Amino acid sequence: MGRLQQIVGSIRDYKYTKYIVTLFVIVLIVGFVDDNSIMNRQERIENIEKLQAEIAVLKAQYEDDTRKLNELEEYDNVVRLAREKYLMKRPGEDVFVIRRQLPSE
């Protein structure tokens, strides 16, 4: 116990102790308690990385949708889409829908 008292006594007698303690408190507050703390900063960095990944996915989807929209500007493609997806027909035509039945298990 004597060694510990000696260390504490030498720190207390050091003339710059109040500055060191003040600096330590400031670093503690800024580093861990403040809104811009290290932990909050790390959370924000992770959030930014997730958002950038989502932006990349949405850009790819946007490019695909834009390509499909440009294809629809041609009349033949609109007719093909209406016939295939919405089963539309011209007057006087018959539409046959063939469904494949999966084998029972």
Protein backbone atom coordinates (compact mmCIF):
# COMPACT_ATOMS: atom_id res chain seq x y z
CA MET A 1 0.00 0.00 0.00
CA GLY A 2 2.94 2.29 0.65
CA ARG A 3 4.01 2.16 -2.99
CA LEU A 4 0.52 3.19 -4.17
CA GLN A 5 0.44 6.13 -1.74
CA GLN A 6 3.85 7.20 -2.97
CA ILE A 7 2.66 7.20 -6.62
CA VAL A 8 -0.54 9.12 -5.79
CA GLY A 9 1.47 11.59 -3.72
CA SER A 10 3.95 12.24 -6.51
CA ILE A 11 1.12 12.81 -9.00
CA ARG A 12 -0.63 15.20 -6.59
CA ASP A 13 2.54 17.18 -6.01
CA TYR A 14 3.26 17.50 -9.75
CA LYS A 15 2.64 21.14 -10.72
CA TYR A 16 0.85 20.37 -14.04
CA THR A 17 -1.60 17.85 -12.56
CA LYS A 18 -4.65 20.13 -12.93
CA TYR A 19 -3.89 20.56 -16.63
CA ILE A 20 -3.48 16.83 -17.17
CA VAL A 21 -6.73 16.07 -15.32
CA THR A 22 -8.55 18.77 -17.31
CA LEU A 23 -7.19 17.40 -20.58
CA PHE A 24 -8.19 13.87 -19.56
CA VAL A 25 -11.75 15.01 -18.75
CA ILE A 26 -12.04 16.85 -22.07
CA VAL A 27 -10.81 13.81 -24.01
CA LEU A 28 -13.24 11.61 -22.08
CA ILE A 29 -16.19 13.88 -22.82
CA VAL A 30 -15.35 14.40 -26.48
CA GLY A 31 -14.39 10.78 -27.04
CA PHE A 32 -17.27 9.00 -25.38
CA VAL A 33 -20.05 11.31 -24.18
CA ASP A 34 -20.41 13.98 -26.87
CA ASP A 35 -22.68 13.70 -29.93
CA ASN A 36 -19.55 13.44 -32.07
CA SER A 37 -18.02 10.69 -29.95
CA ILE A 38 -15.99 7.83 -31.33
CA MET A 39 -18.87 5.38 -30.93
CA ASN A 40 -21.39 7.66 -32.62
CA ARG A 41 -18.93 8.34 -35.41
CA GLN A 42 -18.43 4.60 -35.99
CA GLU A 43 -22.22 4.06 -36.12
CA ARG A 44 -22.53 6.85 -38.67
CA ILE A 45 -19.73 5.37 -40.81
CA GLU A 46 -21.48 1.97 -40.80
CA ASN A 47 -24.78 3.66 -41.69
CA ILE A 48 -23.12 5.50 -44.58
CA GLU A 49 -21.68 2.21 -45.91
CA LYS A 50 -25.14 0.56 -45.77
CA LEU A 51 -26.72 3.52 -47.55
CA GLN A 52 -24.04 3.49 -50.25
CA ALA A 53 -24.70 -0.21 -50.86
CA GLU A 54 -28.42 0.53 -51.10
CA ILE A 55 -27.71 3.38 -53.54
CA ALA A 56 -25.74 0.99 -55.76
CA VAL A 57 -28.65 -1.48 -55.79
CA LEU A 58 -31.16 1.26 -56.56
CA LYS A 59 -28.98 2.64 -59.37
CA ALA A 60 -28.84 -0.78 -60.99
CA GLN A 61 -32.61 -1.12 -60.64
CA TYR A 62 -33.08 2.38 -62.07
CA GLU A 63 -30.92 1.56 -65.10
CA ASP A 64 -32.87 -1.66 -65.69
CA ASP A 65 -36.22 0.14 -65.39
CA THR A 66 -35.02 2.90 -67.72
CA ARG A 67 -33.98 0.30 -70.29
CA LYS A 68 -37.39 -1.37 -70.06
CA LEU A 69 -39.16 1.99 -70.37
CA ASN A 70 -37.15 2.83 -73.48
CA GLU A 71 -38.14 -0.53 -74.96
CA LEU A 72 -41.80 0.30 -74.37
CA GLU A 73 -41.54 3.37 -76.58
CA GLU A 74 -41.74 1.03 -79.58
CA TYR A 75 -45.29 -0.01 -80.46
CA ASP A 76 -44.42 -3.65 -81.14
CA ASN A 77 -42.98 -4.08 -77.67
CA VAL A 78 -46.10 -2.60 -76.05
CA VAL A 79 -48.28 -5.02 -78.01
CA ARG A 80 -46.07 -7.98 -77.07
CA LEU A 81 -46.14 -7.01 -73.38
CA ALA A 82 -49.93 -6.57 -73.39
CA ARG A 83 -50.42 -9.97 -75.03
CA GLU A 84 -47.97 -11.88 -72.83
CA LYS A 85 -48.48 -10.33 -69.44
CA TYR A 86 -52.09 -9.14 -69.49
CA LEU A 87 -53.49 -11.75 -71.93
CA MET A 88 -55.00 -9.08 -74.17
CA LYS A 89 -56.16 -9.90 -77.68
CA ARG A 90 -57.29 -8.24 -80.83
CA PRO A 91 -60.94 -8.45 -81.88
CA GLY A 92 -61.65 -11.77 -83.55
CA GLU A 93 -58.68 -13.59 -81.98
CA ASP A 94 -58.80 -16.44 -79.53
CA VAL A 95 -56.30 -16.71 -76.69
CA PHE A 96 -55.32 -20.09 -75.31
CA VAL A 97 -53.53 -20.19 -71.98
CA ILE A 98 -51.45 -23.31 -71.49
CA ARG A 99 -50.46 -24.06 -67.93
CA ARG A 100 -47.96 -26.71 -67.14
CA GLN A 101 -48.96 -28.89 -64.23
CA LEU A 102 -46.17 -29.96 -61.91
CA PRO A 103 -45.99 -33.65 -60.97
CA SER A 104 -47.46 -34.46 -57.55
CA GLU A 105 -45.13 -35.49 -54.82
